[in-house]
Amino acid sequence: MITAIDPFTYAVHGFKALILKNTDLGAVGFDLIFLFGFAALTLGAATVLFRRTL
């Protein structure tokens, strides 16, 4: 259940598909979308949680 939201799982799957199976970027499209979405979500959460005041 944890591996469904773990970004490392999608990164490894994408690298394996690109390097070992010799596919194109279309084959790892979902992996890239998930990774960019996860990055945007965590960046947004970090910005809100760690806002600095001057």
PDB file of N, CA and C in Angstrom:
ATOM      1  N   MET A   1       0.820  -1.183   0.000  1.00  0.00           N
ATOM      2  CA  MET A   1       0.000   0.000   0.000  1.00  0.00           C
ATOM      3  C   MET A   1       0.874   1.262   0.000  1.00  0.00           C
ATOM      4  N   ILE A   2       1.976   1.221   0.725  1.00  0.00           N
ATOM      5  CA  ILE A   2       2.869   2.379   0.770  1.00  0.00           C
ATOM      6  C   ILE A   2       3.560   2.581  -0.578  1.00  0.00           C
ATOM      7  N   THR A   3       3.836   1.508  -1.288  1.00  0.00           N
ATOM      8  CA  THR A   3       4.528   1.641  -2.569  1.00  0.00           C
ATOM      9  C   THR A   3       3.676   2.337  -3.618  1.00  0.00           C
ATOM     10  N   ALA A   4       2.365   2.417  -3.399  1.00  0.00           N
ATOM     11  CA  ALA A   4       1.503   3.104  -4.364  1.00  0.00           C
ATOM     12  C   ALA A   4       1.732   4.609  -4.349  1.00  0.00           C
ATOM     13  N   ILE A   5       2.224   5.160  -3.229  1.00  0.00           N
ATOM     14  CA  ILE A   5       2.461   6.600  -3.153  1.00  0.00           C
ATOM     15  C   ILE A   5       3.939   6.943  -3.018  1.00  0.00           C
ATOM     16  N   ASP A   6       4.788   5.945  -3.038  1.00  0.00           N
ATOM     17  CA  ASP A   6       6.229   6.164  -2.920  1.00  0.00           C
ATOM     18  C   ASP A   6       6.792   6.616  -4.271  1.00  0.00           C
ATOM     19  N   PRO A   7       7.355   7.824  -4.357  1.00  0.00           N
ATOM     20  CA  PRO A   7       7.853   8.294  -5.646  1.00  0.00           C
ATOM     21  C   PRO A   7       9.050   7.496  -6.156  1.00  0.00           C
ATOM     22  N   PHE A   8       9.796   6.876  -5.266  1.00  0.00           N
ATOM     23  CA  PHE A   8      10.953   6.092  -5.697  1.00  0.00           C
ATOM     24  C   PHE A   8      10.515   4.900  -6.554  1.00  0.00           C
ATOM     25  N   THR A   9       9.353   4.345  -6.269  1.00  0.00           N
ATOM     26  CA  THR A   9       8.826   3.236  -7.059  1.00  0.00           C
ATOM     27  C   THR A   9       8.632   3.647  -8.508  1.00  0.00           C
ATOM     28  N   TYR A  10       8.064   4.836  -8.722  1.00  0.00           N
ATOM     29  CA  TYR A  10       7.808   5.303 -10.078  1.00  0.00           C
ATOM     30  C   TYR A  10       9.099   5.712 -10.787  1.00  0.00           C
ATOM     31  N   ALA A  11      10.053   6.234 -10.045  1.00  0.00           N
ATOM     32  CA  ALA A  11      11.337   6.586 -10.643  1.00  0.00           C
ATOM     33  C   ALA A  11      12.079   5.339 -11.116  1.00  0.00           C
ATOM     34  N   VAL A  12      12.095   4.305 -10.281  1.00  0.00           N
ATOM     35  CA  VAL A  12      12.773   3.060 -10.654  1.00  0.00           C
ATOM     36  C   VAL A  12      12.077   2.405 -11.832  1.00  0.00           C
ATOM     37  N   HIS A  13      10.754   2.401 -11.830  1.00  0.00           N
ATOM     38  CA  HIS A  13      10.022   1.803 -12.948  1.00  0.00           C
ATOM     39  C   HIS A  13      10.323   2.539 -14.250  1.00  0.00           C
ATOM     40  N   GLY A  14      10.382   3.860 -14.180  1.00  0.00           N
ATOM     41  CA  GLY A  14      10.694   4.637 -15.377  1.00  0.00           C
ATOM     42  C   GLY A  14      12.097   4.388 -15.893  1.00  0.00           C
ATOM     43  N   PHE A  15      13.075   4.362 -14.992  1.00  0.00           N
ATOM     44  CA  PHE A  15      14.450   4.084 -15.408  1.00  0.00           C
ATOM     45  C   PHE A  15      14.589   2.688 -15.989  1.00  0.00           C
ATOM     46  N   LYS A  16      13.943   1.708 -15.373  1.00  0.00           N
ATOM     47  CA  LYS A  16      14.016   0.338 -15.886  1.00  0.00           C
ATOM     48  C   LYS A  16      13.412   0.251 -17.280  1.00  0.00           C
ATOM     49  N   ALA A  17      12.302   0.926 -17.484  1.00  0.00           N
ATOM     50  CA  ALA A  17      11.650   0.881 -18.793  1.00  0.00           C
ATOM     51  C   ALA A  17      12.509   1.565 -19.852  1.00  0.00           C
ATOM     52  N   LEU A  18      13.128   2.678 -19.497  1.00  0.00           N
ATOM     53  CA  LEU A  18      13.934   3.407 -20.483  1.00  0.00           C
ATOM     54  C   LEU A  18      15.251   2.721 -20.789  1.00  0.00           C
ATOM     55  N   ILE A  19      15.898   2.205 -19.754  1.00  0.00           N
ATOM     56  CA  ILE A  19      17.239   1.651 -19.944  1.00  0.00           C
ATOM     57  C   ILE A  19      17.199   0.184 -20.361  1.00  0.00           C
ATOM     58  N   LEU A  20      16.454  -0.632 -19.646  1.00  0.00           N
ATOM     59  CA  LEU A  20      16.491  -2.065 -19.907  1.00  0.00           C
ATOM     60  C   LEU A  20      15.575  -2.502 -21.040  1.00  0.00           C
ATOM     61  N   LYS A  21      14.425  -1.853 -21.172  1.00  0.00           N
ATOM     62  CA  LYS A  21      13.474  -2.272 -22.203  1.00  0.00           C
ATOM     63  C   LYS A  21      13.594  -1.446 -23.474  1.00  0.00           C
ATOM     64  N   ASN A  22      14.424  -0.384 -23.419  1.00  0.00           N
ATOM     65  CA  ASN A  22      14.684   0.462 -24.588  1.00  0.00           C
ATOM     66  C   ASN A  22      13.389   1.023 -25.181  1.00  0.00           C
ATOM     67  N   THR A  23      12.560   1.642 -24.338  1.00  0.00           N
ATOM     68  CA  THR A  23      11.313   2.237 -24.788  1.00  0.00           C
ATOM     69  C   THR A  23      11.472   3.744 -24.910  1.00  0.00           C
ATOM     70  N   ASP A  24      10.412   4.403 -25.345  1.00  0.00           N
ATOM     71  CA  ASP A  24      10.452   5.859 -25.464  1.00  0.00           C
ATOM     72  C   ASP A  24       9.781   6.501 -24.248  1.00  0.00           C
ATOM     73  N   LEU A  25       9.713   7.830 -24.241  1.00  0.00           N
ATOM     74  CA  LEU A  25       9.149   8.546 -23.097  1.00  0.00           C
ATOM     75  C   LEU A  25       7.648   8.332 -22.969  1.00  0.00           C
ATOM     76  N   GLY A  26       6.977   7.956 -24.039  1.00  0.00           N
ATOM     77  CA  GLY A  26       5.542   7.695 -23.967  1.00  0.00           C
ATOM     78  C   GLY A  26       5.209   6.516 -23.060  1.00  0.00           C
ATOM     79  N   ALA A  27       6.128   5.579 -22.947  1.00  0.00           N
ATOM     80  CA  ALA A  27       5.897   4.401 -22.113  1.00  0.00           C
ATOM     81  C   ALA A  27       5.991   4.718 -20.628  1.00  0.00           C
ATOM     82  N   VAL A  28       6.655   5.796 -20.276  1.00  0.00           N
ATOM     83  CA  VAL A  28       6.801   6.171 -18.867  1.00  0.00           C
ATOM     84  C   VAL A  28       6.068   7.478 -18.572  1.00  0.00           C
ATOM     85  N   GLY A  29       5.072   7.794 -19.373  1.00  0.00           N
ATOM     86  CA  GLY A  29       4.330   9.036 -19.205  1.00  0.00           C
ATOM     87  C   GLY A  29       3.656   9.143 -17.855  1.00  0.00           C
ATOM     88  N   PHE A  30       2.999   8.066 -17.405  1.00  0.00           N
ATOM     89  CA  PHE A  30       2.327   8.107 -16.108  1.00  0.00           C
ATOM     90  C   PHE A  30       3.326   8.288 -14.984  1.00  0.00           C
ATOM     91  N   ASP A  31       4.480   7.643 -15.104  1.00  0.00           N
ATOM     92  CA  ASP A  31       5.519   7.783 -14.081  1.00  0.00           C
ATOM     93  C   ASP A  31       5.980   9.238 -13.974  1.00  0.00           C
ATOM     94  N   LEU A  32       6.197   9.880 -15.111  1.00  0.00           N
ATOM     95  CA  LEU A  32       6.632  11.275 -15.109  1.00  0.00           C
ATOM     96  C   LEU A  32       5.562  12.206 -14.553  1.00  0.00           C
ATOM     97  N   ILE A  33       4.305  11.968 -14.928  1.00  0.00           N
ATOM     98  CA  ILE A  33       3.214  12.795 -14.415  1.00  0.00           C
ATOM     99  C   ILE A  33       3.104  12.655 -12.909  1.00  0.00           C
ATOM    100  N   PHE A  34       3.223  11.414 -12.407  1.00  0.00           N
ATOM    101  CA  PHE A  34       3.148  11.200 -10.963  1.00  0.00           C
ATOM    102  C   PHE A  34       4.304  11.898 -10.251  1.00  0.00           C
ATOM    103  N   LEU A  35       5.505  11.777 -10.793  1.00  0.00           N
ATOM    104  CA  LEU A  35       6.671  12.391 -10.144  1.00  0.00           C
ATOM    105  C   LEU A  35       6.591  13.913 -10.135  1.00  0.00           C
ATOM    106  N   PHE A  36       6.159  14.518 -11.247  1.00  0.00           N
ATOM    107  CA  PHE A  36       6.013  15.973 -11.274  1.00  0.00           C
ATOM    108  C   PHE A  36       4.890  16.428 -10.343  1.00  0.00           C
ATOM    109  N   GLY A  37       3.803  15.677 -10.292  1.00  0.00           N
ATOM    110  CA  GLY A  37       2.713  16.009  -9.382  1.00  0.00           C
ATOM    111  C   GLY A  37       3.134  15.898  -7.925  1.00  0.00           C
ATOM    112  N   PHE A  38       3.868  14.839  -7.597  1.00  0.00           N
ATOM    113  CA  PHE A  38       4.351  14.655  -6.229  1.00  0.00           C
ATOM    114  C   PHE A  38       5.318  15.768  -5.843  1.00  0.00           C
ATOM    115  N   ALA A  39       6.180  16.154  -6.778  1.00  0.00           N
ATOM    116  CA  ALA A  39       7.125  17.237  -6.507  1.00  0.00           C
ATOM    117  C   ALA A  39       6.393  18.554  -6.277  1.00  0.00           C
ATOM    118  N   ALA A  40       5.382  18.839  -7.082  1.00  0.00           N
ATOM    119  CA  ALA A  40       4.614  20.076  -6.916  1.00  0.00           C
ATOM    120  C   ALA A  40       3.859  20.073  -5.589  1.00  0.00           C
ATOM    121  N   LEU A  41       3.288  18.934  -5.239  1.00  0.00           N
ATOM    122  CA  LEU A  41       2.547  18.832  -3.981  1.00  0.00           C
ATOM    123  C   LEU A  41       3.456  19.014  -2.772  1.00  0.00           C
ATOM    124  N   THR A  42       4.596  18.370  -2.770  1.00  0.00           N
ATOM    125  CA  THR A  42       5.501  18.488  -1.624  1.00  0.00           C
ATOM    126  C   THR A  42       6.156  19.877  -1.571  1.00  0.00           C
ATOM    127  N   LEU A  43       6.427  20.478  -2.721  1.00  0.00           N
ATOM    128  CA  LEU A  43       6.972  21.830  -2.727  1.00  0.00           C
ATOM    129  C   LEU A  43       5.944  22.824  -2.188  1.00  0.00           C
ATOM    130  N   GLY A  44       4.695  22.654  -2.574  1.00  0.00           N
ATOM    131  CA  GLY A  44       3.643  23.514  -2.053  1.00  0.00           C
ATOM    132  C   GLY A  44       3.466  23.359  -0.553  1.00  0.00           C
ATOM    133  N   ALA A  45       3.493  22.113  -0.075  1.00  0.00           N
ATOM    134  CA  ALA A  45       3.361  21.868   1.365  1.00  0.00           C
ATOM    135  C   ALA A  45       4.545  22.453   2.126  1.00  0.00           C
ATOM    136  N   ALA A  46       5.738  22.320   1.584  1.00  0.00           N
ATOM    137  CA  ALA A  46       6.921  22.865   2.252  1.00  0.00           C
ATOM    138  C   ALA A  46       6.873  24.389   2.287  1.00  0.00           C
ATOM    139  N   THR A  47       6.380  24.994   1.230  1.00  0.00           N
ATOM    140  CA  THR A  47       6.284  26.446   1.190  1.00  0.00           C
ATOM    141  C   THR A  47       5.310  26.960   2.245  1.00  0.00           C
ATOM    142  N   VAL A  48       4.192  26.283   2.384  1.00  0.00           N
ATOM    143  CA  VAL A  48       3.197  26.712   3.368  1.00  0.00           C
ATOM    144  C   VAL A  48       3.680  26.444   4.792  1.00  0.00           C
ATOM    145  N   LEU A  49       4.289  25.299   5.021  1.00  0.00           N
ATOM    146  CA  LEU A  49       4.689  24.928   6.366  1.00  0.00           C
ATOM    147  C   LEU A  49       5.921  25.664   6.875  1.00  0.00           C
ATOM    148  N   PHE A  50       6.820  26.023   5.977  1.00  0.00           N
ATOM    149  CA  PHE A  50       8.083  26.627   6.398  1.00  0.00           C
ATOM    150  C   PHE A  50       8.223  28.059   5.902  1.00  0.00           C
ATOM    151  N   ARG A  51       7.120  28.791   5.920  1.00  0.00           N
ATOM    152  CA  ARG A  51       7.139  30.181   5.483  1.00  0.00           C
ATOM    153  C   ARG A  51       7.934  31.027   6.490  1.00  0.00           C
ATOM    154  N   ARG A  52       8.840  31.822   5.976  1.00  0.00           N
ATOM    155  CA  ARG A  52       9.667  32.666   6.844  1.00  0.00           C
ATOM    156  C   ARG A  52       9.045  34.055   6.931  1.00  0.00           C
ATOM    157  N   THR A  53       9.162  34.650   8.061  1.00  0.00           N
ATOM    158  CA  THR A  53       8.694  36.025   8.229  1.00  0.00           C
ATOM    159  C   THR A  53       9.890  36.920   8.471  1.00  0.00           C
ATOM    160  N   LEU A  54       9.851  38.089   7.901  1.00  0.00           N
ATOM    161  CA  LEU A  54      10.955  39.031   8.067  1.00  0.00           C
ATOM    162  C   LEU A  54      10.587  40.109   9.051  1.00  0.00           C
TER     163      LEU A  54
END
